[in-house]
Amino acid sequence: MMEQPGYLLEPSFLRQLDRLQITSRRMASGARAGKRRSRHMGSSIEFADYRAYAPGDDLRQLDWNAYARTGKLFVKRFMDETDMHVSLYIDCSKSMDYGTPTKLSVAVRLAAALGYLSLHQFDYVSVFAIDGEVRSALRSLHGKGKVQSFFDFLSRLQPDGRGDLQQALTSGSAIHGKAGVSLVFSDFLFERGVEEGLSYLQAAHQEVILIHLLAAEERNPSYEGELRLIDSETGDYREIAMSPRLVDEYQVSMQAYQKQLASYAFGRGMHYVTVHAEDSLETILFRVFQQAGIIR
């Protein structure tokens, strides 16, 4: 089962996210119409709210009246004409209940971080829990006031059921109808494959980002001897004699599958990133995701 720590992310960690945002290649090139809210200041831009001053902020945005009242520096936040809709698809099938920490718990915390920073940037956020269908969803959340309901939804997610990405994404209930950025958090262990479902998502005018979560034991299994390996989703099993040679063959197959996914994503203009589930959130977000250009 997914860990339930009482909170998803430390307050100190959340403060590090306030100045970040998810990037969009379409938006950067001007290929998509929209209204992304940002911090840029101008006479035609609508005031949004305040946040605490941080070194490097534009001093012209300081609210000196607020400083006179409180003795603290606050920056005015404004909304310009470029918003974005961020959709988070979290694989909650039984195979995600593996590893320490589990792949699902990492997916949930990553989704929490990305959803939080998007809500703080006044982007719209939708989140979908999927296995063989859309199990539950919150659609078109907007503004910082929705953060708690977003976190509450994520905290209730548990691994269960048999995964089928094709069926879940093509069911109709997984598409909200707005162009935007869609991130899929999964181990991508689906018997029927992933291409049809991801193509359907992309056809709905989504910039698709694949977050491939792998546990340490999946990458470097330490099993040995006579074993019965049981499929967590179907209950099917296979009895094998685990040897170093078999481990080598498995690792070759695993790496080949990763390359296949990456090649498919590249060929379709999607983004593909591998995440090691045992890495810290700071490492994943501030090194892996930033280097991959997912956030800035």
Foldseek 3Di string as FASTA:
>chain_A
DADQPVFLDDPVVLVVLQPKAFDDPCVVVVVDFWWFFAQDDDPVWAWDAKDFDDPPDDPVQWDVVVCVVPVGTIGIGTTGGHAFEEEEEEEQAQCQVDAVNGLRSLSLSLCLSNVQNNQSRQHFYKYFYAALAGPDIDGGDGHNVCSVVSRVVSSPRHHHAHHDLLNHQPVPVRDPQDAHEYEYRELQPHPVGHVNSVVSVVVSNYQYEYEHEDEPCQQQPPDAAWDWAADRHPRDIDIDGDDPVVRVVSNVVVVVVLVVVCVSCVVVNHHYFYDHSPDDPCCCVVPRCVVSSRMD
